[in-house]
N, C-alpha and C. Protein backbone atom coordinates (compact mmCIF):
# COMPACT_ATOMS: atom_id res chain seq x y z
N MET A 1 12.19 -32.10 17.40
CA MET A 1 11.37 -30.94 17.69
C MET A 1 12.10 -29.67 17.24
N MET A 2 11.39 -28.81 16.51
CA MET A 2 12.00 -27.59 15.99
C MET A 2 12.06 -26.51 17.06
N LYS A 3 13.13 -25.77 17.03
CA LYS A 3 13.30 -24.64 17.93
C LYS A 3 12.43 -23.47 17.44
N PRO A 4 11.72 -22.76 18.34
CA PRO A 4 10.88 -21.65 17.90
C PRO A 4 11.73 -20.53 17.30
N ASP A 5 11.16 -19.81 16.34
CA ASP A 5 11.84 -18.69 15.69
C ASP A 5 11.76 -17.47 16.61
N THR A 6 12.83 -17.18 17.32
CA THR A 6 12.82 -16.06 18.26
C THR A 6 13.08 -14.74 17.56
N THR A 7 13.43 -14.75 16.28
CA THR A 7 13.65 -13.50 15.56
C THR A 7 12.34 -12.90 15.06
N ARG A 8 11.28 -13.67 15.05
CA ARG A 8 9.98 -13.17 14.59
C ARG A 8 9.32 -12.37 15.70
N VAL A 9 8.97 -11.13 15.39
CA VAL A 9 8.33 -10.25 16.36
C VAL A 9 6.82 -10.37 16.18
N GLU A 10 6.13 -10.73 17.26
CA GLU A 10 4.67 -10.89 17.22
C GLU A 10 4.00 -9.53 17.05
N ASP A 11 3.01 -9.47 16.19
CA ASP A 11 2.21 -8.26 15.99
C ASP A 11 1.15 -8.21 17.09
N SER A 12 1.51 -7.55 18.19
CA SER A 12 0.60 -7.48 19.34
C SER A 12 0.56 -6.06 19.88
N LEU A 13 -0.48 -5.75 20.62
CA LEU A 13 -0.62 -4.43 21.23
C LEU A 13 0.53 -4.16 22.20
N GLN A 14 0.91 -5.17 22.96
CA GLN A 14 2.02 -5.01 23.90
C GLN A 14 3.31 -4.65 23.15
N ASN A 15 3.61 -5.33 22.06
CA ASN A 15 4.82 -5.02 21.29
C ASN A 15 4.72 -3.66 20.61
N GLU A 16 3.51 -3.27 20.19
CA GLU A 16 3.34 -1.95 19.59
C GLU A 16 3.63 -0.86 20.62
N ARG A 17 3.20 -1.06 21.85
CA ARG A 17 3.48 -0.08 22.91
C ARG A 17 4.98 0.04 23.17
N ILE A 18 5.68 -1.08 23.20
CA ILE A 18 7.14 -1.07 23.38
C ILE A 18 7.76 -0.32 22.21
N CYS A 19 7.35 -0.67 21.01
CA CYS A 19 7.87 -0.05 19.79
C CYS A 19 7.73 1.47 19.83
N MET A 20 6.58 1.96 20.19
CA MET A 20 6.31 3.40 20.13
C MET A 20 7.14 4.21 21.11
N LYS A 21 7.70 3.56 22.13
CA LYS A 21 8.62 4.28 23.02
C LYS A 21 9.85 4.71 22.24
N TYR A 22 10.19 3.98 21.20
CA TYR A 22 11.39 4.26 20.40
C TYR A 22 11.03 4.93 19.08
N CYS A 23 10.07 4.38 18.34
CA CYS A 23 9.67 4.98 17.07
C CYS A 23 9.14 6.39 17.27
N GLY A 24 8.38 6.60 18.30
CA GLY A 24 7.80 7.93 18.54
C GLY A 24 8.84 9.02 18.69
N ALA A 25 10.03 8.67 19.14
CA ALA A 25 11.11 9.64 19.31
C ALA A 25 12.13 9.60 18.16
N CYS A 26 11.99 8.64 17.25
CA CYS A 26 12.96 8.44 16.18
C CYS A 26 12.92 9.61 15.18
N PRO A 27 14.08 10.17 14.82
CA PRO A 27 14.09 11.28 13.87
C PRO A 27 13.50 10.92 12.50
N SER A 28 13.74 9.72 12.01
CA SER A 28 13.17 9.31 10.71
C SER A 28 11.65 9.20 10.81
N TYR A 29 11.15 8.69 11.92
CA TYR A 29 9.70 8.55 12.12
C TYR A 29 9.04 9.92 12.11
N ARG A 30 9.60 10.85 12.86
CA ARG A 30 9.01 12.19 12.96
C ARG A 30 9.14 12.97 11.66
N GLN A 31 10.33 12.98 11.07
CA GLN A 31 10.57 13.76 9.85
C GLN A 31 9.69 13.31 8.70
N ASN A 32 9.44 12.01 8.61
CA ASN A 32 8.66 11.46 7.50
C ASN A 32 7.17 11.27 7.82
N ALA A 33 6.75 11.75 9.01
CA ALA A 33 5.35 11.64 9.44
C ALA A 33 4.81 10.22 9.24
N LEU A 34 5.57 9.24 9.71
CA LEU A 34 5.20 7.84 9.49
C LEU A 34 3.93 7.44 10.21
N ASP A 35 3.51 8.23 11.20
CA ASP A 35 2.25 7.94 11.88
C ASP A 35 1.05 8.20 10.97
N GLN A 36 1.26 8.86 9.84
CA GLN A 36 0.19 9.18 8.90
C GLN A 36 -0.02 8.10 7.84
N HIS A 37 0.80 7.03 7.87
CA HIS A 37 0.75 5.98 6.85
C HIS A 37 0.73 4.61 7.52
N GLN A 38 0.17 3.63 6.82
CA GLN A 38 0.10 2.27 7.37
C GLN A 38 1.24 1.42 6.81
N PRO A 39 1.79 0.54 7.59
CA PRO A 39 1.63 0.47 9.04
C PRO A 39 2.28 1.68 9.70
N ALA A 40 1.75 2.09 10.83
CA ALA A 40 2.24 3.28 11.50
C ALA A 40 3.22 2.97 12.63
N ALA A 41 3.49 1.71 12.86
CA ALA A 41 4.42 1.30 13.92
C ALA A 41 4.71 -0.19 13.79
N LEU A 42 5.60 -0.66 14.61
CA LEU A 42 5.97 -2.08 14.69
C LEU A 42 6.40 -2.62 13.32
N PHE A 43 7.25 -1.84 12.65
CA PHE A 43 7.70 -2.15 11.31
C PHE A 43 8.49 -3.46 11.25
N CYS A 44 9.15 -3.83 12.33
CA CYS A 44 9.91 -5.08 12.36
C CYS A 44 8.99 -6.29 12.25
N SER A 45 7.71 -6.11 12.55
CA SER A 45 6.72 -7.18 12.43
C SER A 45 5.80 -6.98 11.22
N ARG A 46 5.38 -5.75 11.01
CA ARG A 46 4.34 -5.46 10.00
C ARG A 46 4.89 -5.12 8.62
N GLY A 47 6.16 -4.76 8.53
CA GLY A 47 6.73 -4.41 7.24
C GLY A 47 6.99 -2.91 7.12
N ILE A 48 7.49 -2.50 5.96
CA ILE A 48 7.89 -1.11 5.77
C ILE A 48 6.68 -0.18 5.75
N SER A 49 6.96 1.08 6.04
CA SER A 49 5.93 2.10 6.05
C SER A 49 5.42 2.34 4.63
N GLY A 50 4.16 2.70 4.53
CA GLY A 50 3.56 3.04 3.25
C GLY A 50 3.80 4.48 2.84
N ALA A 51 4.59 5.22 3.62
CA ALA A 51 4.90 6.61 3.26
C ALA A 51 5.61 6.62 1.91
N PRO A 52 5.19 7.51 1.00
CA PRO A 52 5.72 7.47 -0.36
C PRO A 52 7.19 7.87 -0.49
N HIS A 53 7.62 8.86 0.23
CA HIS A 53 9.00 9.35 0.09
C HIS A 53 9.62 9.43 1.48
N LYS A 54 10.44 8.46 1.81
CA LYS A 54 11.06 8.44 3.13
C LYS A 54 12.52 8.84 3.03
N LYS A 55 12.93 9.75 3.92
CA LYS A 55 14.33 10.14 4.01
C LYS A 55 14.87 9.65 5.35
N GLU A 56 16.01 9.01 5.32
CA GLU A 56 16.63 8.49 6.54
C GLU A 56 17.21 9.67 7.32
N ALA A 57 16.82 9.75 8.59
CA ALA A 57 17.30 10.84 9.45
C ALA A 57 17.81 10.31 10.77
N GLY A 58 18.10 9.02 10.85
CA GLY A 58 18.53 8.39 12.09
C GLY A 58 17.61 7.22 12.37
N CYS A 59 18.10 6.29 13.14
CA CYS A 59 17.33 5.08 13.43
C CYS A 59 17.47 4.72 14.90
N PHE A 60 16.33 4.55 15.56
CA PHE A 60 16.32 4.16 16.97
C PHE A 60 16.04 2.68 17.16
N CYS A 61 15.86 1.92 16.06
CA CYS A 61 15.58 0.49 16.16
C CYS A 61 16.56 -0.26 17.07
N PRO A 62 17.88 -0.05 16.91
CA PRO A 62 18.81 -0.82 17.75
C PRO A 62 18.66 -0.57 19.26
N ALA A 63 18.06 0.54 19.65
CA ALA A 63 17.85 0.83 21.07
C ALA A 63 16.60 0.16 21.62
N CYS A 64 15.72 -0.31 20.75
CA CYS A 64 14.43 -0.88 21.15
C CYS A 64 14.60 -2.21 21.86
N GLU A 65 13.78 -2.45 22.87
CA GLU A 65 13.80 -3.71 23.62
C GLU A 65 13.51 -4.90 22.70
N LEU A 66 12.66 -4.71 21.72
CA LEU A 66 12.30 -5.80 20.80
C LEU A 66 13.49 -6.19 19.92
N PHE A 67 14.30 -5.22 19.56
CA PHE A 67 15.48 -5.46 18.73
C PHE A 67 16.41 -6.45 19.42
N ALA A 68 16.71 -6.23 20.69
CA ALA A 68 17.59 -7.12 21.44
C ALA A 68 16.90 -8.45 21.76
N ARG A 69 15.66 -8.39 22.19
CA ARG A 69 14.93 -9.59 22.59
C ARG A 69 14.80 -10.60 21.44
N HIS A 70 14.68 -10.10 20.21
CA HIS A 70 14.47 -10.97 19.05
C HIS A 70 15.71 -11.10 18.17
N SER A 71 16.85 -10.64 18.67
CA SER A 71 18.13 -10.75 17.95
C SER A 71 18.02 -10.20 16.53
N LEU A 72 17.39 -9.04 16.41
CA LEU A 72 17.24 -8.41 15.10
C LEU A 72 18.56 -7.76 14.68
N VAL A 73 18.72 -7.51 13.40
CA VAL A 73 19.94 -6.87 12.90
C VAL A 73 19.57 -5.74 11.95
N ILE A 74 20.47 -4.85 11.78
CA ILE A 74 20.46 -3.72 10.86
C ILE A 74 19.57 -2.57 11.32
N GLY A 75 18.28 -2.74 11.49
CA GLY A 75 17.38 -1.66 11.84
C GLY A 75 16.76 -1.05 10.59
N HIS A 76 16.31 0.20 10.70
CA HIS A 76 15.65 0.90 9.59
C HIS A 76 14.47 0.09 9.05
N PHE A 77 13.73 -0.56 9.94
CA PHE A 77 12.63 -1.43 9.52
C PHE A 77 11.49 -0.65 8.86
N CYS A 78 11.40 0.66 9.12
CA CYS A 78 10.36 1.46 8.46
C CYS A 78 10.65 1.61 6.98
N GLN A 79 11.92 1.42 6.59
CA GLN A 79 12.32 1.62 5.20
C GLN A 79 12.72 0.34 4.49
N GLN A 80 13.09 -0.68 5.22
CA GLN A 80 13.55 -1.94 4.59
C GLN A 80 13.27 -3.11 5.51
N GLN A 81 13.18 -4.29 4.94
CA GLN A 81 12.98 -5.52 5.72
C GLN A 81 14.18 -6.41 5.60
């Protein structure tokens, strides 16, 4: 029997709400107006932001509950996968 992949973050409304507690305050999220582009949140599940020109201004991913719960690494999911 295979062990479930705990690093995969489910694309759910509950996880999006958790995510936005951190992304909403993230300097990179605010500076790059990532809420104006799709996906607008939960980048660790949905992929990088569609914003055309993103500048890194700090990353709150490592502080997110989902980051620890799913043993994620690196962060900056809005810019890279």
